[in-house]
């Protein structure tokens, strides 16, 4: 059964719509932990469109499970991560015009800068994961830069509009997980997972963590955060 980590970015997005104080993503993280989440994920973007530095600082002080800080591989973000010392850093791609992260990090195509970023983070004792597409060359490159873990991007699976494509995407994810494990990498997965499609991904042997945000926060708006998290934890165990 994979552990569920809850991404609280969309709570911060709602708060930033009014540039006010509520809803508070830090309080949301506390409720998620009490409801059974095994970790909290927050993406501190360069444009600060949702999570703010204040959020990451407070999450570091209050999260009792595990704090996974998503970030771009930039000098600014590396400096922040080194100062805050989250339990895990996940390097992700960023484009200012995107609505949300649109794909995995191109580790093989940007080997030197990513390798340098990982080396700096590892040198400060941080646990490093890379958010990548289910692609063998990306898995191989992730191993070469000495990352501890890869998070497999499940967007292609989540967006598949027919059974054949769904099966093809699941096969790609399974093969990437097997490849990663064979090279000593730990494996997580996430992006686009919801209450209707999570079970097939949760059942893949070797995936130890699922990172889910939008679907949980969307359900929480209607049913409350505690129930939304408990429902997803239950599905991850099916």
C-alpha atoms as a PDB file:
ATOM      1  CA  UNK A   1       0.000   0.000   0.000  1.00  0.00           C
ATOM      2  CA  UNK A   2       1.585   3.303  -1.045  1.00  0.00           C
ATOM      3  CA  UNK A   3       1.665   6.157   1.431  1.00  0.00           C
ATOM      4  CA  UNK A   4      -0.460   9.207   0.635  1.00  0.00           C
ATOM      5  CA  UNK A   5       1.158  12.646   0.623  1.00  0.00           C
ATOM      6  CA  UNK A   6      -1.259  15.565   0.320  1.00  0.00           C
ATOM      7  CA  UNK A   7      -0.324  18.583  -1.800  1.00  0.00           C
ATOM      8  CA  UNK A   8      -1.752  21.760  -0.238  1.00  0.00           C
ATOM      9  CA  UNK A   9      -0.910  24.171  -3.089  1.00  0.00           C
ATOM     10  CA  UNK A  10      -4.513  24.643  -4.170  1.00  0.00           C
ATOM     11  CA  UNK A  11      -5.494  25.878  -0.728  1.00  0.00           C
ATOM     12  CA  UNK A  12      -2.794  28.522  -1.115  1.00  0.00           C
ATOM     13  CA  UNK A  13      -4.132  29.333  -4.590  1.00  0.00           C
ATOM     14  CA  UNK A  14      -7.556  30.083  -3.096  1.00  0.00           C
ATOM     15  CA  UNK A  15      -5.996  32.282  -0.441  1.00  0.00           C
ATOM     16  CA  UNK A  16      -3.915  34.184  -2.995  1.00  0.00           C
ATOM     17  CA  UNK A  17      -7.059  34.991  -5.014  1.00  0.00           C
ATOM     18  CA  UNK A  18      -7.734  37.681  -2.389  1.00  0.00           C
ATOM     19  CA  UNK A  19      -4.152  38.089  -1.116  1.00  0.00           C
ATOM     20  CA  UNK A  20      -5.571  37.511   2.353  1.00  0.00           C
ATOM     21  CA  UNK A  21      -4.985  35.130   5.234  1.00  0.00           C
ATOM     22  CA  UNK A  22      -7.520  32.402   4.549  1.00  0.00           C
ATOM     23  CA  UNK A  23      -7.800  29.586   3.905  1.00  0.00           C
ATOM     24  CA  UNK A  24      -4.516  28.748   5.565  1.00  0.00           C
ATOM     25  CA  UNK A  25      -2.549  25.917   3.883  1.00  0.00           C
ATOM     26  CA  UNK A  26      -0.636  25.316   7.108  1.00  0.00           C
ATOM     27  CA  UNK A  27      -3.853  24.566   9.009  1.00  0.00           C
ATOM     28  CA  UNK A  28      -4.972  22.392   6.100  1.00  0.00           C
ATOM     29  CA  UNK A  29      -1.759  20.388   6.378  1.00  0.00           C
ATOM     30  CA  UNK A  30      -2.423  19.744  10.072  1.00  0.00           C
ATOM     31  CA  UNK A  31      -5.917  18.425   9.329  1.00  0.00           C
ATOM     32  CA  UNK A  32      -4.564  16.243   6.510  1.00  0.00           C
ATOM     33  CA  UNK A  33      -2.039  14.670   8.876  1.00  0.00           C
ATOM     34  CA  UNK A  34      -4.690  14.036  11.522  1.00  0.00           C
ATOM     35  CA  UNK A  35      -6.832  12.367   8.836  1.00  0.00           C
ATOM     36  CA  UNK A  36      -4.082   9.908   7.916  1.00  0.00           C
ATOM     37  CA  UNK A  37      -1.815  11.602   5.382  1.00  0.00           C
ATOM     38  CA  UNK A  38       1.757  10.337   5.524  1.00  0.00           C
ATOM     39  CA  UNK A  39       3.266  13.557   4.259  1.00  0.00           C
ATOM     40  CA  UNK A  40       2.640  17.091   3.044  1.00  0.00           C
ATOM     41  CA  UNK A  41       3.723  18.464  -0.344  1.00  0.00           C
ATOM     42  CA  UNK A  42       4.094  22.165  -1.154  1.00  0.00           C
ATOM     43  CA  UNK A  43       5.499  23.728  -4.338  1.00  0.00           C
ATOM     44  CA  UNK A  44       7.277  27.018  -3.806  1.00  0.00           C
ATOM     45  CA  UNK A  45       7.257  28.474  -7.310  1.00  0.00           C
ATOM     46  CA  UNK A  46       9.511  31.271  -8.462  1.00  0.00           C
ATOM     47  CA  UNK A  47       6.440  33.395  -9.249  1.00  0.00           C
ATOM     48  CA  UNK A  48       4.905  32.628  -5.814  1.00  0.00           C
ATOM     49  CA  UNK A  49       1.477  32.097  -7.383  1.00  0.00           C
ATOM     50  CA  UNK A  50       0.307  29.888  -4.516  1.00  0.00           C
ATOM     51  CA  UNK A  51       2.588  28.776  -1.667  1.00  0.00           C
ATOM     52  CA  UNK A  52       4.633  31.562  -0.100  1.00  0.00           C
ATOM     53  CA  UNK A  53       7.945  31.372   1.728  1.00  0.00           C
ATOM     54  CA  UNK A  54       6.042  31.958   4.961  1.00  0.00           C
ATOM     55  CA  UNK A  55       4.054  28.782   4.309  1.00  0.00           C
ATOM     56  CA  UNK A  56       7.147  26.650   3.789  1.00  0.00           C
ATOM     57  CA  UNK A  57       8.789  28.042   6.912  1.00  0.00           C
ATOM     58  CA  UNK A  58       5.716  27.339   9.037  1.00  0.00           C
ATOM     59  CA  UNK A  59       5.177  23.903   7.501  1.00  0.00           C
ATOM     60  CA  UNK A  60       8.743  22.993   8.413  1.00  0.00           C
ATOM     61  CA  UNK A  61       7.969  23.894  12.030  1.00  0.00           C
ATOM     62  CA  UNK A  62       4.573  22.177  12.222  1.00  0.00           C
ATOM     63  CA  UNK A  63       4.497  19.135   9.924  1.00  0.00           C
ATOM     64  CA  UNK A  64       4.917  15.983  11.993  1.00  0.00           C
ATOM     65  CA  UNK A  65       5.008  13.432   9.166  1.00  0.00           C
ATOM     66  CA  UNK A  66       7.150  14.465   6.196  1.00  0.00           C
ATOM     67  CA  UNK A  67       7.515  17.727   4.296  1.00  0.00           C
ATOM     68  CA  UNK A  68       8.213  17.446   0.565  1.00  0.00           C
ATOM     69  CA  UNK A  69       9.177  20.796  -0.962  1.00  0.00           C
ATOM     70  CA  UNK A  70       8.708  20.936  -4.728  1.00  0.00           C
ATOM     71  CA  UNK A  71      10.894  23.489  -6.491  1.00  0.00           C
ATOM     72  CA  UNK A  72      12.716  24.439  -9.658  1.00  0.00           C
ATOM     73  CA  UNK A  73      16.430  23.709  -9.934  1.00  0.00           C
ATOM     74  CA  UNK A  74      17.475  27.350  -9.472  1.00  0.00           C
ATOM     75  CA  UNK A  75      20.028  28.948  -7.176  1.00  0.00           C
ATOM     76  CA  UNK A  76      17.299  30.853  -5.305  1.00  0.00           C
ATOM     77  CA  UNK A  77      15.308  27.698  -4.564  1.00  0.00           C
ATOM     78  CA  UNK A  78      18.392  25.712  -3.632  1.00  0.00           C
ATOM     79  CA  UNK A  79      19.352  28.393  -1.106  1.00  0.00           C
ATOM     80  CA  UNK A  80      15.841  28.329   0.391  1.00  0.00           C
ATOM     81  CA  UNK A  81      15.804  24.533   0.605  1.00  0.00           C
ATOM     82  CA  UNK A  82      19.211  24.467   2.277  1.00  0.00           C
ATOM     83  CA  UNK A  83      18.001  27.002   4.851  1.00  0.00           C
ATOM     84  CA  UNK A  84      14.633  25.362   5.587  1.00  0.00           C
ATOM     85  CA  UNK A  85      15.788  21.740   5.319  1.00  0.00           C
ATOM     86  CA  UNK A  86      12.573  19.947   4.294  1.00  0.00           C
ATOM     87  CA  UNK A  87      12.518  16.177   4.664  1.00  0.00           C
ATOM     88  CA  UNK A  88      12.529  15.867   0.881  1.00  0.00           C
ATOM     89  CA  UNK A  89      13.141  18.127  -2.100  1.00  0.00           C
ATOM     90  CA  UNK A  90      11.479  17.318  -5.427  1.00  0.00           C
ATOM     91  CA  UNK A  91      12.861  19.097  -8.477  1.00  0.00           C
ATOM     92  CA  UNK A  92      10.151  19.924 -11.012  1.00  0.00           C
ATOM     93  CA  UNK A  93      10.001  21.925 -14.272  1.00  0.00           C
ATOM     94  CA  UNK A  94       8.436  25.384 -14.253  1.00  0.00           C
ATOM     95  CA  UNK A  95       7.066  27.665 -16.965  1.00  0.00           C
ATOM     96  CA  UNK A  96       5.475  30.968 -15.997  1.00  0.00           C
ATOM     97  CA  UNK A  97       2.655  30.614 -18.540  1.00  0.00           C
ATOM     98  CA  UNK A  98       1.569  27.136 -17.406  1.00  0.00           C
ATOM     99  CA  UNK A  99      -1.526  26.618 -15.289  1.00  0.00           C
ATOM    100  CA  UNK A 100       0.051  23.686 -13.485  1.00  0.00           C
ATOM    101  CA  UNK A 101       3.089  21.496 -14.036  1.00  0.00           C
ATOM    102  CA  UNK A 102       2.662  20.159 -17.560  1.00  0.00           C
ATOM    103  CA  UNK A 103       5.203  17.359 -17.704  1.00  0.00           C
ATOM    104  CA  UNK A 104       8.227  15.773 -16.158  1.00  0.00           C
ATOM    105  CA  UNK A 105      11.671  17.224 -15.732  1.00  0.00           C
ATOM    106  CA  UNK A 106      13.903  16.636 -18.766  1.00  0.00           C
ATOM    107  CA  UNK A 107      16.861  15.281 -16.828  1.00  0.00           C
ATOM    108  CA  UNK A 108      18.623  13.780 -19.839  1.00  0.00           C
ATOM    109  CA  UNK A 109      18.245  16.938 -21.922  1.00  0.00           C
ATOM    110  CA  UNK A 110      19.372  19.261 -19.119  1.00  0.00           C
ATOM    111  CA  UNK A 111      21.832  16.935 -17.478  1.00  0.00           C
ATOM    112  CA  UNK A 112      24.517  19.385 -16.367  1.00  0.00           C
ATOM    113  CA  UNK A 113      22.331  21.989 -14.593  1.00  0.00           C
ATOM    114  CA  UNK A 114      20.214  19.323 -12.926  1.00  0.00           C
ATOM    115  CA  UNK A 115      23.284  17.353 -11.932  1.00  0.00           C
ATOM    116  CA  UNK A 116      24.767  20.503 -10.379  1.00  0.00           C
ATOM    117  CA  UNK A 117      21.551  21.263  -8.493  1.00  0.00           C
ATOM    118  CA  UNK A 118      21.284  17.713  -7.162  1.00  0.00           C
ATOM    119  CA  UNK A 119      24.941  17.739  -6.152  1.00  0.00           C
ATOM    120  CA  UNK A 120      24.461  20.954  -4.137  1.00  0.00           C
ATOM    121  CA  UNK A 121      21.379  19.580  -2.387  1.00  0.00           C
ATOM    122  CA  UNK A 122      23.013  16.245  -1.634  1.00  0.00           C
ATOM    123  CA  UNK A 123      26.043  18.090  -0.287  1.00  0.00           C
ATOM    124  CA  UNK A 124      23.794  19.683   2.328  1.00  0.00           C
ATOM    125  CA  UNK A 125      22.335  16.343   3.354  1.00  0.00           C
ATOM    126  CA  UNK A 126      18.956  16.720   1.659  1.00  0.00           C
ATOM    127  CA  UNK A 127      16.911  13.841   0.230  1.00  0.00           C
ATOM    128  CA  UNK A 128      16.344  14.525  -3.481  1.00  0.00           C
ATOM    129  CA  UNK A 129      13.583  13.305  -5.778  1.00  0.00           C
ATOM    130  CA  UNK A 130      13.093  14.158  -9.461  1.00  0.00           C
ATOM    131  CA  UNK A 131       9.654  14.508 -11.071  1.00  0.00           C
ATOM    132  CA  UNK A 132       9.997  12.732 -14.423  1.00  0.00           C
ATOM    133  CA  UNK A 133       7.904  11.291 -17.239  1.00  0.00           C
ATOM    134  CA  UNK A 134       7.607   7.484 -17.425  1.00  0.00           C
ATOM    135  CA  UNK A 135      10.521   7.253 -19.847  1.00  0.00           C
ATOM    136  CA  UNK A 136      13.565   4.999 -19.550  1.00  0.00           C
ATOM    137  CA  UNK A 137      16.081   7.666 -20.567  1.00  0.00           C
ATOM    138  CA  UNK A 138      14.767   9.948 -17.817  1.00  0.00           C
ATOM    139  CA  UNK A 139      14.983   7.160 -15.261  1.00  0.00           C
ATOM    140  CA  UNK A 140      18.535   6.369 -16.359  1.00  0.00           C
ATOM    141  CA  UNK A 141      19.570  10.029 -16.187  1.00  0.00           C
ATOM    142  CA  UNK A 142      18.024  10.348 -12.730  1.00  0.00           C
ATOM    143  CA  UNK A 143      20.222   7.525 -11.534  1.00  0.00           C
ATOM    144  CA  UNK A 144      23.292   9.126 -13.099  1.00  0.00           C
ATOM    145  CA  UNK A 145      22.770  12.372 -11.165  1.00  0.00           C
ATOM    146  CA  UNK A 146      22.488  10.299  -7.958  1.00  0.00           C
ATOM    147  CA  UNK A 147      18.918  11.235  -7.012  1.00  0.00           C
ATOM    148  CA  UNK A 148      17.434   9.163  -4.204  1.00  0.00           C
ATOM    149  CA  UNK A 149      13.961   8.884  -5.737  1.00  0.00           C
ATOM    150  CA  UNK A 150      11.930   9.561  -8.856  1.00  0.00           C
ATOM    151  CA  UNK A 151       8.317  10.648  -8.904  1.00  0.00           C
ATOM    152  CA  UNK A 152       6.665   9.261 -12.018  1.00  0.00           C
ATOM    153  CA  UNK A 153       4.433  11.775 -13.788  1.00  0.00           C
ATOM    154  CA  UNK A 154       1.011  10.143 -14.184  1.00  0.00           C
ATOM    155  CA  UNK A 155      -0.582  12.913 -16.252  1.00  0.00           C
ATOM    156  CA  UNK A 156      -0.629  10.857 -19.447  1.00  0.00           C
ATOM    157  CA  UNK A 157      -2.503   8.091 -17.650  1.00  0.00           C
ATOM    158  CA  UNK A 158      -4.941  10.512 -15.994  1.00  0.00           C
ATOM    159  CA  UNK A 159      -5.726  12.225 -19.307  1.00  0.00           C
ATOM    160  CA  UNK A 160      -6.171   9.045 -21.385  1.00  0.00           C
ATOM    161  CA  UNK A 161      -9.603   9.068 -23.041  1.00  0.00           C
ATOM    162  CA  UNK A 162      -9.956   5.413 -24.002  1.00  0.00           C
ATOM    163  CA  UNK A 163      -9.094   2.016 -22.567  1.00  0.00           C
ATOM    164  CA  UNK A 164      -6.310   1.256 -25.030  1.00  0.00           C
ATOM    165  CA  UNK A 165      -4.487   4.467 -24.181  1.00  0.00           C
ATOM    166  CA  UNK A 166      -5.074   3.909 -20.474  1.00  0.00           C
ATOM    167  CA  UNK A 167      -3.519   0.447 -20.732  1.00  0.00           C
ATOM    168  CA  UNK A 168      -0.580   1.831 -22.718  1.00  0.00           C
ATOM    169  CA  UNK A 169       0.089   4.489 -20.114  1.00  0.00           C
ATOM    170  CA  UNK A 170      -0.117   1.996 -17.249  1.00  0.00           C
ATOM    171  CA  UNK A 171       2.395  -0.219 -19.042  1.00  0.00           C
ATOM    172  CA  UNK A 172       4.795   2.714 -19.438  1.00  0.00           C
ATOM    173  CA  UNK A 173       4.485   3.535 -15.755  1.00  0.00           C
ATOM    174  CA  UNK A 174       4.992  -0.092 -14.696  1.00  0.00           C
ATOM    175  CA  UNK A 175       8.092  -0.443 -16.878  1.00  0.00           C
ATOM    176  CA  UNK A 176       9.541   2.813 -15.575  1.00  0.00           C
ATOM    177  CA  UNK A 177       8.954   1.720 -11.988  1.00  0.00           C
ATOM    178  CA  UNK A 178      10.687  -1.602 -12.649  1.00  0.00           C
ATOM    179  CA  UNK A 179      13.621   0.177 -14.291  1.00  0.00           C
ATOM    180  CA  UNK A 180      13.958   2.650 -11.437  1.00  0.00           C
ATOM    181  CA  UNK A 181      13.856  -0.050  -8.782  1.00  0.00           C
ATOM    182  CA  UNK A 182      16.464  -2.102 -10.649  1.00  0.00           C
ATOM    183  CA  UNK A 183      18.835   0.876 -10.430  1.00  0.00           C
ATOM    184  CA  UNK A 184      18.292   1.419  -6.736  1.00  0.00           C
ATOM    185  CA  UNK A 185      15.944   4.368  -7.037  1.00  0.00           C
ATOM    186  CA  UNK A 186      12.921   4.724  -4.793  1.00  0.00           C
ATOM    187  CA  UNK A 187       9.654   5.511  -6.571  1.00  0.00           C
ATOM    188  CA  UNK A 188       6.690   7.809  -6.039  1.00  0.00           C
ATOM    189  CA  UNK A 189       3.957   8.829  -8.484  1.00  0.00           C
ATOM    190  CA  UNK A 190       1.578  11.692  -8.973  1.00  0.00           C
ATOM    191  CA  UNK A 191      -0.246  14.242 -11.140  1.00  0.00           C
ATOM    192  CA  UNK A 192      -3.885  14.060 -12.168  1.00  0.00           C
ATOM    193  CA  UNK A 193      -4.726  11.218  -9.798  1.00  0.00           C
ATOM    194  CA  UNK A 194      -8.229  11.287  -8.361  1.00  0.00           C
ATOM    195  CA  UNK A 195     -10.828   9.150  -6.598  1.00  0.00           C
ATOM    196  CA  UNK A 196     -11.747   7.353  -9.830  1.00  0.00           C
ATOM    197  CA  UNK A 197      -8.337   6.485 -11.269  1.00  0.00           C
ATOM    198  CA  UNK A 198      -5.996   6.134  -8.297  1.00  0.00           C
ATOM    199  CA  UNK A 199      -6.521   2.423  -7.584  1.00  0.00           C
ATOM    200  CA  UNK A 200      -4.749   1.145 -10.715  1.00  0.00           C
ATOM    201  CA  UNK A 201      -1.673   3.243  -9.915  1.00  0.00           C
ATOM    202  CA  UNK A 202      -1.740   2.423  -6.204  1.00  0.00           C
ATOM    203  CA  UNK A 203      -1.686  -1.280  -7.098  1.00  0.00           C
ATOM    204  CA  UNK A 204       1.634  -1.083  -8.977  1.00  0.00           C
ATOM    205  CA  UNK A 205       4.295  -2.860  -6.954  1.00  0.00           C
ATOM    206  CA  UNK A 206       7.224  -0.650  -6.056  1.00  0.00           C
ATOM    207  CA  UNK A 207       5.417   2.688  -5.841  1.00  0.00           C
ATOM    208  CA  UNK A 208       5.816   3.675  -2.218  1.00  0.00           C
ATOM    209  CA  UNK A 209       4.228   7.128  -2.259  1.00  0.00           C
ATOM    210  CA  UNK A 210       1.425   8.905  -4.103  1.00  0.00           C
ATOM    211  CA  UNK A 211       1.373  12.699  -4.179  1.00  0.00           C
ATOM    212  CA  UNK A 212      -2.150  14.030  -4.704  1.00  0.00           C
ATOM    213  CA  UNK A 213      -3.499  17.548  -4.319  1.00  0.00           C
ATOM    214  CA  UNK A 214      -6.163  18.993  -6.604  1.00  0.00           C
ATOM    215  CA  UNK A 215      -8.635  16.124  -6.330  1.00  0.00           C
ATOM    216  CA  UNK A 216      -8.425  16.011  -2.535  1.00  0.00           C
ATOM    217  CA  UNK A 217      -8.769  19.765  -2.111  1.00  0.00           C
ATOM    218  CA  UNK A 218     -11.696  19.797  -4.560  1.00  0.00           C
ATOM    219  CA  UNK A 219     -13.528  17.161  -2.541  1.00  0.00           C
ATOM    220  CA  UNK A 220     -12.653  18.940   0.687  1.00  0.00           C
ATOM    221  CA  UNK A 221     -14.507  22.034  -0.504  1.00  0.00           C
ATOM    222  CA  UNK A 222     -17.710  19.959  -0.477  1.00  0.00           C
ATOM    223  CA  UNK A 223     -17.144  17.329   2.200  1.00  0.00           C
ATOM    224  CA  UNK A 224     -14.399  18.699   4.410  1.00  0.00           C
ATOM    225  CA  UNK A 225     -10.675  18.056   4.496  1.00  0.00           C
ATOM    226  CA  UNK A 226     -10.710  15.214   7.000  1.00  0.00           C
ATOM    227  CA  UNK A 227     -13.177  13.086   5.021  1.00  0.00           C
ATOM    228  CA  UNK A 228     -11.496  13.884   1.709  1.00  0.00           C
ATOM    229  CA  UNK A 229      -8.130  12.653   3.003  1.00  0.00           C
ATOM    230  CA  UNK A 230      -9.565   9.571   4.714  1.00  0.00           C
ATOM    231  CA  UNK A 231     -11.407   8.590   1.533  1.00  0.00           C
ATOM    232  CA  UNK A 232      -8.193   8.813  -0.515  1.00  0.00           C
ATOM    233  CA  UNK A 233      -6.134   6.918   2.068  1.00  0.00           C
ATOM    234  CA  UNK A 234      -8.748   4.147   1.889  1.00  0.00           C
ATOM    235  CA  UNK A 235      -8.564   3.976  -1.912  1.00  0.00           C
ATOM    236  CA  UNK A 236      -4.759   3.794  -1.826  1.00  0.00           C
ATOM    237  CA  UNK A 237      -5.100   0.665   0.264  1.00  0.00           C
ATOM    238  CA  UNK A 238      -7.566  -1.139  -2.000  1.00  0.00           C
END
